[in-house]
Amino acid sequence: MARIRHGLAAGLVLLLGVLLPAAPAHAVVYVPISGAGSSWSGPAVYQWASNVKQYGMTVSYADTGSSDGRNRFKSGVVDFAVSEIPYGLTDGGVVDYPPTTKFSYMPIVAGGTSLMYNLKIGNSRVTNLRLSGEVVAKIFTGVITNWSDPAIKADNPRLNLPARKIVPVVRSDGSGTSAQFTMWLSTKYPNLWNDYCRKAGRSTPCGFTSNYPVVPGLGFTAQSGSNGVSGYVKQDGNIGTITYVEYSYAVNLNFPVAKVLNKAGYFIEPTASSVAVALVQAQIKSDLTQKLEGVYDATDKRAYPLSSYSYMIIPVDQVSGSFSLDKGRTLAAFAYYFLCEGQQQAESLGYSPLPVNLVAAGKAQVDRIPGAVPKPIDGRSCNNPTLRPDGKNALAEKAPQPKECDRGGTDMCASGTGGARYNTPLLAAPTGGASPGASASPGAGTGTGGTGTGGTGTGSGTVIDPDTGQPIGTGGGTGTGGDVTATTVDLAAQDRSTRRGMLLLAAATLVAVVLLPPLLARTLRNRRRP
């Protein structure tokens, strides 16, 4: 009997061994790590930190701005930093010296610096604004100050833009977003940027800066953090404002962003695919920092020109201070996660997944973190949506072509951008072979009366509300030639008329149902009588 019990026990152990997974010989134990820096990358880092809790990782992050993040990392306060700009920047005469310990940059997330705005025509929110690069530069250097400026109208030929003051909203804190934006300004429009810097008391050539200079009297507003500038623009009372901020903030706040004119002549929104296409032209320097001139001038008509990526600054090759091998193991595991699996969420968060060249460059640096357990990263083992087994960028390959209404000219698309997906009403398309950018707004004629481009006649013409840009009255004359007219339709009156018709039909039916049967029966009885 005892022999039978032992046999049953042994069989049970064998069965459990088959059904239950074997315990790992050495379970990985992670220790808490902390980081600080970029608010541009903040939404992505916060999401990834939340995701890895399931693996036993605790990653805390403070989106206090790139400059603060670099300072904290240099002081040993945090284990990693996230920044859009490297150490070594001379900003306002102050040099941002690098840490004395060994460190490296690794790409973390790609995205487009977007131009989020708050603008209305009458009671209708504008969601399809288009801006050429020079117009953007002139807005943020105080040269163009009104939304009805002819240069903005030329970019938006089918919008009747209001004569409202433009309020540029810039960062008040040191930020990588400011550095990315001013790098583009200083590279593409150095004369405009240097003139502005001189007015702000900066030495020239100005170059890029993490602290955006503000010239008194130009009507600029400064706010702290990406949440600060985007939150300011979204307020109902701040119509006329525009800011530069990561695309994800506009998406999350359900606000539109401007489409920017690229080298190929198309106005493009900073979607995940348009950023991926542009970053194919990014060059990586030996220290893994980015060289973006090719991105700014990408000739692919799908490319968004203000595309870039941010860095995670990590300790490499040696432990130092409070950074231990255990922290290094955790930091490396976190980095492997967001280089691969975490990039799956990039698009839904308003970013673009890192392309294959940046993923490979990042992996090489993660392997150098003290305590790292190296992992393979390729198109088969890494669940990054841009990676294909043949090494090509899957996202850039399948990126859609822009619509023809996004091409510069007299037409434009009505569909909304960013987080605002509803359409904006358009004026009728200009006729008579108008040149690209010709205004189709009322009152644009050169005659003494009438409306429209080339209008002629007598009278005072259409009167425009200078704040809303809407017609509020007409003069006594009539115009000819190139007029844009609208027919007012009273939908409420149409609805009332339809209801009256339906009520009359119902009443007639009721009368027929109630009265006709008795009348018919009486008629039949009369016919049967002799």
Protein backbone atom coordinates (compact mmCIF):
# COMPACT_ATOMS: atom_id res chain seq x y z
CA MET A 1 0.00 0.00 0.00
CA ALA A 2 2.81 2.35 0.87
CA ARG A 3 4.41 1.54 -2.48
CA ILE A 4 1.18 2.55 -4.23
CA ARG A 5 0.98 5.87 -2.32
CA HIS A 6 4.58 6.69 -3.26
CA GLY A 7 3.81 5.87 -6.88
CA LEU A 8 0.76 8.14 -6.89
CA ALA A 9 2.73 10.99 -5.30
CA ALA A 10 5.51 10.66 -7.85
CA GLY A 11 2.98 10.66 -10.68
CA LEU A 12 1.30 13.80 -9.30
CA VAL A 13 4.63 15.60 -9.11
CA LEU A 14 5.41 14.59 -12.68
CA LEU A 15 1.97 15.78 -13.87
CA LEU A 16 2.32 19.16 -12.14
CA GLY A 17 5.75 19.53 -13.66
CA VAL A 18 4.23 19.14 -17.10
CA LEU A 19 1.24 21.44 -16.52
CA LEU A 20 2.95 24.27 -14.63
CA PRO A 21 5.79 26.43 -16.06
CA ALA A 22 9.14 25.94 -14.43
CA ALA A 23 10.25 28.72 -12.12
CA PRO A 24 13.12 30.76 -13.55
CA ALA A 25 16.50 29.82 -12.27
CA HIS A 26 17.18 33.50 -11.57
CA ALA A 27 14.26 35.96 -11.59
CA VAL A 28 15.26 39.48 -12.65
CA VAL A 29 14.80 41.99 -9.84
CA TYR A 30 14.41 45.62 -10.88
CA VAL A 31 15.11 48.63 -8.70
CA PRO A 32 13.41 52.03 -9.02
CA ILE A 33 14.98 54.56 -11.42
CA SER A 34 14.20 58.23 -12.05
CA GLY A 35 14.58 60.74 -14.86
CA ALA A 36 13.68 64.30 -15.81
CA GLY A 37 13.65 66.60 -18.80
CA SER A 38 11.73 67.11 -22.00
CA SER A 39 8.03 67.96 -21.87
CA TRP A 40 8.03 67.46 -25.67
CA SER A 41 8.62 63.73 -25.00
CA GLY A 42 6.69 63.66 -21.73
CA PRO A 43 3.46 61.95 -22.89
CA ALA A 44 5.43 59.06 -24.39
CA VAL A 45 7.73 58.57 -21.38
CA TYR A 46 4.79 58.63 -18.95
CA GLN A 47 2.92 56.02 -21.00
CA TRP A 48 5.95 53.71 -21.25
CA ALA A 49 6.65 54.06 -17.53
CA SER A 50 3.08 52.98 -16.85
CA ASN A 51 3.36 50.04 -19.24
CA VAL A 52 6.50 48.50 -17.67
CA LYS A 53 4.95 48.31 -14.21
CA GLN A 54 3.65 44.89 -15.26
CA TYR A 55 7.27 43.71 -15.46
CA GLY A 56 8.08 44.95 -11.97
CA MET A 57 9.80 48.18 -13.10
CA THR A 58 9.27 51.48 -11.34
CA VAL A 59 10.26 54.44 -13.54
CA SER A 60 9.52 57.96 -12.28
CA TYR A 61 9.80 60.95 -14.62
CA ALA A 62 9.40 64.74 -14.28
CA ASP A 63 8.77 66.73 -17.49
CA THR A 64 10.48 69.87 -16.18
CA GLY A 65 12.05 70.83 -19.51
CA SER A 66 15.16 69.72 -21.35
CA SER A 67 17.48 72.25 -19.73
CA ASP A 68 16.43 71.24 -16.21
CA GLY A 69 16.74 67.57 -17.10
CA ARG A 70 20.31 67.99 -18.33
CA ASN A 71 21.20 69.91 -15.17
CA ARG A 72 19.71 67.24 -12.91
CA PHE A 73 21.53 64.46 -14.74
CA LYS A 74 24.82 66.36 -14.59
CA SER A 75 24.35 66.82 -10.84
CA GLY A 76 23.59 63.12 -10.31
CA VAL A 77 20.06 63.84 -9.04
CA VAL A 78 18.41 61.56 -11.65
CA ASP A 79 19.51 58.39 -13.43
CA PHE A 80 18.66 59.59 -16.94
CA ALA A 81 17.56 62.74 -18.73
CA VAL A 82 15.51 63.38 -21.87
CA SER A 83 16.39 66.33 -24.09
CA GLU A 84 16.00 67.61 -27.64
CA ILE A 85 19.41 69.28 -27.51
CA PRO A 86 22.84 68.03 -26.43
CA TYR A 87 25.24 69.50 -23.91
CA GLY A 88 27.64 72.23 -25.04
CA LEU A 89 25.09 74.85 -26.11
CA THR A 90 26.12 78.45 -25.46
CA ASP A 91 22.86 80.21 -24.68
CA GLY A 92 22.82 83.90 -23.83
CA GLY A 93 26.55 83.78 -23.11
CA VAL A 94 26.21 80.82 -20.71
CA VAL A 95 27.84 77.52 -21.70
CA ASP A 96 25.99 74.31 -20.82
CA TYR A 97 29.02 72.18 -19.91
CA PRO A 98 28.63 68.36 -20.10
CA PRO A 99 28.92 66.03 -17.08
CA THR A 100 32.37 64.88 -15.93
CA THR A 101 31.21 61.24 -15.96
CA LYS A 102 30.78 59.17 -19.13
CA PHE A 103 27.42 59.47 -20.87
CA SER A 104 25.84 58.97 -24.25
CA TYR A 105 22.80 60.07 -26.25
CA MET A 106 20.28 57.59 -27.59
CA PRO A 107 17.20 58.37 -29.75
CA ILE A 108 13.96 57.90 -27.82
CA VAL A 109 10.98 59.18 -29.85
CA ALA A 110 10.38 61.05 -33.11
CA GLY A 111 7.76 63.69 -33.78
CA GLY A 112 6.80 66.91 -35.47
CA THR A 113 7.00 70.32 -33.83
CA SER A 114 3.50 71.53 -34.62
CA LEU A 115 1.91 74.97 -34.76
CA MET A 116 -1.21 74.76 -32.60
CA TYR A 117 -3.55 77.74 -32.94
CA ASN A 118 -6.89 79.17 -31.80
CA LEU A 119 -8.65 81.04 -34.58
CA LYS A 120 -12.27 81.63 -35.56
CA ILE A 121 -14.09 83.15 -38.52
CA GLY A 122 -17.30 84.43 -36.98
CA ASN A 123 -18.49 81.54 -34.82
CA SER A 124 -16.72 78.86 -36.87
CA ARG A 125 -13.37 77.53 -35.63
CA VAL A 126 -10.66 77.36 -38.29
CA THR A 127 -9.27 73.81 -38.41
CA ASN A 128 -7.49 73.70 -41.77
CA LEU A 129 -5.03 76.63 -41.63
CA ARG A 130 -2.01 76.48 -43.96
CA LEU A 131 1.27 78.34 -43.42
CA SER A 132 4.41 78.54 -45.53
CA GLY A 133 7.75 78.45 -43.73
CA GLU A 134 8.48 82.13 -44.31
CA VAL A 135 5.09 83.13 -42.90
CA VAL A 136 5.75 81.02 -39.77
CA ALA A 137 9.14 82.69 -39.36
CA LYS A 138 7.64 86.16 -39.76
CA ILE A 139 4.89 85.43 -37.22
CA PHE A 140 7.39 84.30 -34.58
CA THR A 141 9.74 87.22 -35.22
CA GLY A 142 7.03 89.88 -35.05
CA VAL A 143 7.04 90.81 -38.74
CA ILE A 144 3.51 89.54 -39.47
CA THR A 145 1.14 90.64 -36.71
CA ASN A 146 -2.40 90.23 -38.09
CA TRP A 147 -4.32 87.19 -39.32
CA SER A 148 -5.62 89.15 -42.31
CA ASP A 149 -2.07 89.75 -43.58
CA PRO A 150 -1.88 89.22 -47.38
CA ALA A 151 0.85 86.59 -46.96
CA ILE A 152 -1.41 84.44 -44.75
CA LYS A 153 -4.32 84.98 -47.13
CA ALA A 154 -2.12 83.82 -50.00
CA ASP A 155 -1.53 80.53 -48.16
CA ASN A 156 -5.28 80.21 -47.47
CA PRO A 157 -7.12 81.43 -50.60
CA ARG A 158 -10.50 79.99 -49.57
CA LEU A 159 -10.64 81.31 -46.02
CA ASN A 160 -12.00 84.76 -45.18
CA LEU A 161 -9.48 85.36 -42.40
CA PRO A 162 -10.33 87.92 -39.70
CA ALA A 163 -8.47 91.16 -39.12
CA ARG A 164 -7.47 89.97 -35.66
CA LYS A 165 -4.11 90.47 -33.92
CA ILE A 166 -1.77 87.46 -33.83
CA VAL A 167 -0.51 86.52 -30.36
CA PRO A 168 2.55 84.21 -30.57
CA VAL A 169 2.88 82.06 -27.43
CA VAL A 170 6.45 80.94 -26.64
CA ARG A 171 8.12 79.02 -23.83
CA SER A 172 9.24 80.97 -20.77
CA ASP A 173 11.47 78.12 -19.53
CA GLY A 174 14.52 76.53 -21.09
CA SER A 175 13.11 73.88 -23.41
CA GLY A 176 14.13 71.47 -26.11
CA THR A 177 11.01 72.46 -28.05
CA SER A 178 12.32 76.03 -28.28
CA ALA A 179 15.70 74.67 -29.33
CA GLN A 180 14.17 72.51 -32.07
CA PHE A 181 12.03 75.38 -33.35
CA THR A 182 14.79 78.00 -33.27
CA MET A 183 17.21 75.55 -34.92
CA TRP A 184 14.81 75.45 -37.85
CA LEU A 185 14.40 79.26 -37.78
CA SER A 186 18.14 79.93 -37.66
CA THR A 187 18.85 77.39 -40.41
CA LYS A 188 16.11 78.31 -42.87
CA TYR A 189 15.51 82.02 -42.14
CA PRO A 190 18.72 83.37 -40.56
CA ASN A 191 18.15 87.00 -41.54
CA LEU A 192 14.70 87.17 -39.95
CA TRP A 193 15.92 85.35 -36.86
CA ASN A 194 19.06 87.47 -36.40
CA ASP A 195 17.09 90.72 -36.81
CA TYR A 196 14.68 89.55 -34.13
CA CYS A 197 17.51 88.51 -31.79
CA ARG A 198 19.14 91.93 -32.13
CA LYS A 199 15.87 93.56 -31.05
CA ALA A 200 15.85 91.24 -28.03
CA GLY A 201 19.40 92.29 -27.10
CA ARG A 202 21.04 89.03 -28.20
CA SER A 203 24.35 88.87 -30.02
CA THR A 204 24.28 87.61 -33.60
CA PRO A 205 24.46 85.28 -35.38
CA CYS A 206 21.85 84.10 -32.92
CA GLY A 207 21.73 80.38 -33.69
CA PHE A 208 19.37 78.08 -31.84
CA THR A 209 18.43 78.63 -28.23
CA SER A 210 16.55 76.77 -25.50
CA ASN A 211 15.38 80.11 -24.04
CA TYR A 212 13.19 81.91 -26.56
CA PRO A 213 13.93 85.66 -26.48
CA VAL A 214 10.92 87.97 -26.15
CA VAL A 215 10.98 91.50 -27.51
CA PRO A 216 8.87 93.91 -25.39
CA GLY A 217 6.01 95.57 -27.25
CA LEU A 218 5.52 92.91 -29.94
CA GLY A 219 2.61 91.25 -28.16
CA PHE A 220 4.24 87.87 -27.48
CA THR A 221 3.14 85.79 -24.48
CA ALA A 222 5.46 83.40 -22.61
CA GLN A 223 4.24 80.31 -20.71
CA SER A 224 6.07 77.52 -18.90
CA GLY A 225 6.09 73.97 -20.24
CA SER A 226 4.32 72.32 -23.14
CA ASN A 227 1.21 72.03 -20.99
CA GLY A 228 1.47 75.76 -20.30
CA VAL A 229 1.66 76.97 -23.91
CA SER A 230 -0.93 74.50 -25.25
CA GLY A 231 -3.27 75.13 -22.31
CA TYR A 232 -3.03 78.89 -22.87
CA VAL A 233 -3.87 78.60 -26.57
CA LYS A 234 -6.89 76.36 -26.01
CA GLN A 235 -8.66 78.83 -23.70
CA ASP A 236 -11.86 80.26 -25.16
CA GLY A 237 -10.76 83.82 -24.43
CA ASN A 238 -7.44 83.48 -26.30
CA ILE A 239 -8.61 83.52 -29.90
CA GLY A 240 -5.81 84.67 -32.21
CA THR A 241 -3.02 82.78 -30.39
CA ILE A 242 -0.53 80.37 -31.94
CA THR A 243 2.28 78.33 -30.37
CA TYR A 244 4.91 75.72 -31.22
CA VAL A 245 4.43 72.46 -29.36
CA GLU A 246 4.70 68.71 -29.86
CA TYR A 247 1.87 67.37 -32.05
CA SER A 248 0.58 65.08 -29.27
CA TYR A 249 -0.55 68.06 -27.16
CA ALA A 250 -2.83 69.38 -29.91
CA VAL A 251 -4.18 65.88 -30.54
CA ASN A 252 -4.95 65.31 -26.86
CA LEU A 253 -6.61 68.73 -26.50
CA ASN A 254 -8.72 68.27 -29.67
CA PHE A 255 -7.19 71.37 -31.26
CA PRO A 256 -5.98 71.95 -34.82
CA VAL A 257 -2.45 72.51 -36.06
CA ALA A 258 -1.30 74.37 -39.16
CA LYS A 259 -0.23 72.45 -42.22
CA VAL A 260 3.26 73.62 -43.22
CA LEU A 261 4.48 74.00 -46.80
CA ASN A 262 7.24 71.55 -47.70
CA LYS A 263 9.93 71.67 -50.37
CA ALA A 264 7.74 69.76 -52.83
CA GLY A 265 5.01 72.43 -52.64
CA TYR A 266 2.49 70.62 -50.44
CA PHE A 267 1.00 71.75 -47.13
CA ILE A 268 1.54 68.82 -44.74
CA GLU A 269 0.34 67.96 -41.23
CA PRO A 270 2.84 66.39 -38.73
CA THR A 271 1.33 62.90 -38.68
CA ALA A 272 3.33 59.79 -37.78
CA SER A 273 3.83 58.87 -41.44
CA SER A 274 4.79 62.37 -42.63
CA VAL A 275 7.40 62.59 -39.85
CA ALA A 276 8.72 59.11 -40.71
CA VAL A 277 9.13 60.11 -44.36
CA ALA A 278 10.99 63.31 -43.44
CA LEU A 279 13.33 61.60 -40.96
CA VAL A 280 14.61 59.28 -43.67
CA GLN A 281 16.73 62.33 -44.55
CA ALA A 282 18.10 62.80 -41.00
CA GLN A 283 21.84 62.42 -40.60
CA ILE A 284 23.28 61.03 -37.37
CA LYS A 285 26.54 62.51 -36.15
CA SER A 286 29.22 60.40 -34.49
CA ASP A 287 27.86 61.33 -31.04
CA LEU A 288 24.31 60.36 -32.16
CA THR A 289 23.05 63.94 -32.22
CA GLN A 290 20.94 64.89 -35.19
CA LYS A 291 21.68 66.88 -38.33
CA LEU A 292 18.36 67.99 -39.79
CA GLU A 293 19.10 70.17 -42.82
CA GLY A 294 18.04 67.33 -45.12
CA VAL A 295 14.79 66.96 -43.16
CA TYR A 296 13.93 70.65 -43.52
CA ASP A 297 14.38 70.42 -47.29
CA ALA A 298 13.07 66.91 -47.91
CA THR A 299 11.70 66.76 -51.47
CA ASP A 300 9.21 63.95 -50.86
CA LYS A 301 5.77 65.56 -51.08
CA ARG A 302 4.65 63.52 -48.04
CA ALA A 303 7.34 64.96 -45.71
CA TYR A 304 6.65 67.31 -42.78
CA PRO A 305 9.61 69.75 -42.63
CA LEU A 306 9.69 70.46 -38.85
CA SER A 307 10.37 66.82 -37.92
CA SER A 308 12.98 65.73 -35.36
CA TYR A 309 13.59 63.36 -32.47
CA SER A 310 14.61 63.60 -28.84
CA TYR A 311 17.39 61.90 -26.88
CA MET A 312 17.64 60.00 -23.66
CA ILE A 313 20.93 60.86 -21.94
CA ILE A 314 22.27 57.74 -20.23
CA PRO A 315 25.36 56.77 -18.18
CA VAL A 316 27.71 54.39 -20.01
CA ASP A 317 30.81 52.27 -19.43
CA GLN A 318 31.11 52.78 -15.67
CA VAL A 319 29.08 53.12 -12.50
CA SER A 320 29.42 56.38 -10.64
CA GLY A 321 27.82 58.11 -7.69
CA SER A 322 24.43 56.63 -6.84
CA PHE A 323 24.09 54.87 -10.20
CA SER A 324 24.59 51.14 -9.60
CA LEU A 325 24.66 47.99 -11.71
CA ASP A 326 21.11 47.21 -10.52
CA LYS A 327 19.90 50.61 -11.76
CA GLY A 328 21.74 50.02 -15.01
CA ARG A 329 19.97 46.69 -15.50
CA THR A 330 16.59 48.36 -14.98
CA LEU A 331 17.38 51.35 -17.21
CA ALA A 332 18.58 49.08 -20.02
CA ALA A 333 15.46 46.88 -19.78
CA PHE A 334 13.27 49.99 -19.92
CA ALA A 335 15.18 51.28 -22.97
CA TYR A 336 14.90 47.96 -24.83
CA TYR A 337 11.16 48.06 -24.16
CA PHE A 338 10.52 51.52 -25.61
CA LEU A 339 12.83 51.02 -28.59
CA CYS A 340 10.69 48.08 -29.68
CA GLU A 341 7.30 47.38 -28.08
CA GLY A 342 6.76 50.92 -26.79
CA GLN A 343 7.01 52.39 -30.29
CA GLN A 344 3.73 50.62 -31.13
CA GLN A 345 1.93 53.35 -29.17
CA ALA A 346 3.87 56.27 -30.64
CA GLU A 347 1.29 57.16 -33.29
CA SER A 348 -1.71 57.02 -30.92
CA LEU A 349 0.21 59.34 -28.57
CA GLY A 350 0.86 61.87 -31.35
CA TYR A 351 4.43 60.86 -32.23
CA SER A 352 6.13 58.89 -34.96
CA PRO A 353 7.86 55.56 -34.25
CA LEU A 354 11.64 55.70 -34.45
CA PRO A 355 12.93 54.61 -37.88
CA VAL A 356 15.21 51.60 -38.19
CA ASN A 357 18.46 53.60 -38.38
CA LEU A 358 17.71 55.34 -35.07
CA VAL A 359 16.60 52.12 -33.37
CA ALA A 360 19.88 50.43 -34.31
CA ALA A 361 21.88 53.44 -33.10
CA GLY A 362 19.97 53.49 -29.82
CA LYS A 363 20.48 49.76 -29.20
CA ALA A 364 24.25 50.17 -29.54
CA GLN A 365 24.26 52.74 -26.74
CA VAL A 366 21.91 50.79 -24.44
CA ASP A 367 24.35 47.88 -24.59
CA ARG A 368 26.94 50.19 -22.99
CA ILE A 369 24.85 50.90 -19.86
CA PRO A 370 26.60 49.28 -16.83
CA GLY A 371 24.62 46.20 -15.82
CA ALA A 372 22.75 45.92 -19.16
CA VAL A 373 21.75 42.47 -20.38
CA PRO A 374 22.08 42.88 -24.17
CA LYS A 375 19.12 41.85 -26.33
CA PRO A 376 18.85 41.46 -30.10
CA ILE A 377 16.90 44.15 -31.95
CA ASP A 378 15.93 43.52 -35.57
CA GLY A 379 12.87 43.21 -37.80
CA ARG A 380 12.13 39.74 -36.41
CA SER A 381 12.75 40.18 -32.69
CA CYS A 382 11.71 43.84 -32.23
CA ASN A 383 8.02 44.76 -32.39
CA ASN A 384 8.64 48.27 -33.74
CA PRO A 385 6.13 49.24 -36.49
CA THR A 386 8.83 50.81 -38.68
CA LEU A 387 11.06 47.72 -38.85
CA ARG A 388 10.83 45.19 -41.66
CA PRO A 389 12.95 42.04 -41.93
CA ASP A 390 14.64 43.50 -45.02
CA GLY A 391 15.74 46.56 -43.01
CA LYS A 392 13.48 49.10 -44.75
CA ASN A 393 11.24 51.63 -42.98
CA ALA A 394 7.77 50.07 -43.12
CA LEU A 395 5.97 53.24 -41.97
CA ALA A 396 7.64 55.47 -44.56
CA GLU A 397 6.99 52.91 -47.29
CA LYS A 398 3.23 52.86 -46.71
CA ALA A 399 2.82 56.60 -45.98
CA PRO A 400 -0.13 57.97 -48.01
CA GLN A 401 0.27 60.59 -50.70
CA PRO A 402 -1.17 64.05 -49.94
CA LYS A 403 -4.43 65.16 -51.51
CA GLU A 404 -4.29 67.52 -54.45
CA CYS A 405 -6.15 70.14 -52.40
CA ASP A 406 -3.05 70.21 -50.13
CA ARG A 407 -0.91 71.42 -53.01
CA GLY A 408 -0.13 75.13 -52.94
CA GLY A 409 -2.47 77.10 -55.18
CA THR A 410 -6.01 78.40 -55.30
CA ASP A 411 -7.63 75.32 -53.76
CA MET A 412 -7.41 73.97 -50.21
CA CYS A 413 -8.80 71.06 -48.20
CA ALA A 414 -11.67 71.65 -45.76
CA SER A 415 -10.82 68.76 -43.41
CA GLY A 416 -9.59 69.49 -39.89
CA THR A 417 -6.14 68.69 -38.50
CA GLY A 418 -4.57 67.58 -35.23
CA GLY A 419 -7.23 66.79 -32.65
CA ALA A 420 -9.93 68.82 -34.47
CA ARG A 421 -11.30 66.58 -37.18
CA TYR A 422 -14.33 68.64 -38.21
CA ASN A 423 -14.29 70.64 -41.43
CA THR A 424 -13.99 74.39 -41.93
CA PRO A 425 -16.45 76.04 -44.40
CA LEU A 426 -14.65 77.31 -47.49
CA LEU A 427 -15.33 80.25 -49.75
CA ALA A 428 -16.19 79.45 -53.35
CA ALA A 429 -13.15 78.67 -55.47
CA PRO A 430 -11.76 81.68 -57.34
CA THR A 431 -12.60 81.78 -61.04
CA GLY A 432 -11.03 83.32 -64.09
CA GLY A 433 -7.55 81.83 -63.67
CA ALA A 434 -6.68 83.56 -60.42
CA SER A 435 -3.07 83.23 -59.41
CA PRO A 436 -2.11 80.92 -56.54
CA GLY A 437 -3.01 82.52 -53.26
CA ALA A 438 -5.38 85.11 -54.74
CA SER A 439 -7.95 86.13 -52.16
CA ALA A 440 -11.57 85.20 -52.74
CA SER A 441 -12.84 87.15 -49.77
CA PRO A 442 -15.53 89.81 -50.05
CA GLY A 443 -14.23 93.30 -50.53
CA ALA A 444 -11.03 92.24 -52.24
CA GLY A 445 -11.95 93.98 -55.48
CA THR A 446 -10.19 97.00 -56.85
CA GLY A 447 -13.30 98.81 -58.05
CA THR A 448 -15.29 101.48 -56.26
CA GLY A 449 -18.21 99.15 -55.64
CA GLY A 450 -19.16 95.51 -55.72
CA THR A 451 -17.25 92.66 -54.19
CA GLY A 452 -14.62 90.14 -55.20
CA THR A 453 -11.40 90.28 -57.10
CA GLY A 454 -11.60 92.68 -60.00
CA GLY A 455 -15.05 93.99 -59.02
CA THR A 456 -16.29 97.17 -60.66
CA GLY A 457 -19.40 99.30 -60.24
CA THR A 458 -20.77 102.06 -58.11
CA GLY A 459 -21.41 102.38 -54.41
CA SER A 460 -19.33 101.66 -51.34
CA GLY A 461 -19.06 97.83 -51.57
CA THR A 462 -19.24 95.24 -48.79
CA VAL A 463 -18.51 96.28 -45.22
CA ILE A 464 -16.33 93.82 -43.26
CA ASP A 465 -16.26 93.42 -39.49
CA PRO A 466 -12.56 94.03 -38.67
CA ASP A 467 -12.62 91.53 -35.78
CA THR A 468 -14.43 88.58 -37.35
CA GLY A 469 -13.74 89.18 -41.04
CA GLN A 470 -17.45 88.63 -41.82
CA PRO A 471 -19.65 90.84 -44.04
CA ILE A 472 -21.90 93.03 -41.87
CA GLY A 473 -23.55 95.14 -44.57
CA THR A 474 -23.39 96.26 -48.17
CA GLY A 475 -23.21 99.59 -49.93
CA GLY A 476 -25.67 100.81 -52.50
CA GLY A 477 -23.83 99.70 -55.63
CA THR A 478 -23.64 96.47 -57.54
CA GLY A 479 -20.45 94.96 -58.82
CA THR A 480 -19.43 92.81 -61.75
CA GLY A 481 -16.54 90.52 -62.49
CA GLY A 482 -15.12 87.81 -60.25
CA ASP A 483 -17.77 88.20 -57.53
CA VAL A 484 -18.12 85.56 -54.85
CA THR A 485 -21.75 85.47 -53.73
CA ALA A 486 -23.72 83.35 -51.28
CA THR A 487 -27.43 82.50 -51.14
CA THR A 488 -28.93 82.55 -47.66
CA VAL A 489 -31.08 79.51 -46.94
CA ASP A 490 -33.44 79.63 -43.93
CA LEU A 491 -33.31 76.02 -42.77
CA ALA A 492 -35.70 76.74 -39.91
CA ALA A 493 -38.32 78.10 -42.31
CA GLN A 494 -37.90 75.06 -44.54
CA ASP A 495 -38.38 72.81 -41.55
CA ARG A 496 -41.55 74.66 -40.45
CA SER A 497 -42.98 74.36 -43.96
CA THR A 498 -42.28 70.62 -44.01
CA ARG A 499 -43.99 70.16 -40.64
CA ARG A 500 -47.10 72.07 -41.79
CA GLY A 501 -47.35 69.86 -44.86
CA MET A 502 -47.06 66.71 -42.80
CA LEU A 503 -49.78 67.91 -40.37
CA LEU A 504 -52.19 68.68 -43.22
CA LEU A 505 -51.57 65.25 -44.74
CA ALA A 506 -52.18 63.58 -41.36
CA ALA A 507 -55.44 65.55 -40.89
CA ALA A 508 -56.67 64.58 -44.33
CA THR A 509 -55.89 60.92 -43.66
CA LEU A 510 -57.77 61.05 -40.35
CA VAL A 511 -60.83 62.59 -42.02
CA ALA A 512 -60.77 59.91 -44.68
CA VAL A 513 -60.51 57.09 -42.12
CA VAL A 514 -63.35 58.45 -39.93
CA LEU A 515 -65.86 59.71 -42.50
CA LEU A 516 -65.44 57.58 -45.61
CA PRO A 517 -66.59 54.16 -44.19
CA PRO A 518 -70.07 55.41 -42.99
CA LEU A 519 -70.64 57.28 -46.24
CA LEU A 520 -69.68 54.24 -48.29
CA ALA A 521 -71.99 51.96 -46.25
CA ARG A 522 -74.95 54.34 -46.66
CA THR A 523 -74.42 54.49 -50.41
CA LEU A 524 -74.38 50.69 -50.69
CA ARG A 525 -77.66 50.35 -48.65
CA ASN A 526 -79.39 52.88 -50.87
CA ARG A 527 -78.40 50.93 -53.97
CA ARG A 528 -79.85 47.66 -52.61
CA ARG A 529 -83.34 49.14 -52.02
CA PRO A 530 -85.93 48.39 -54.75
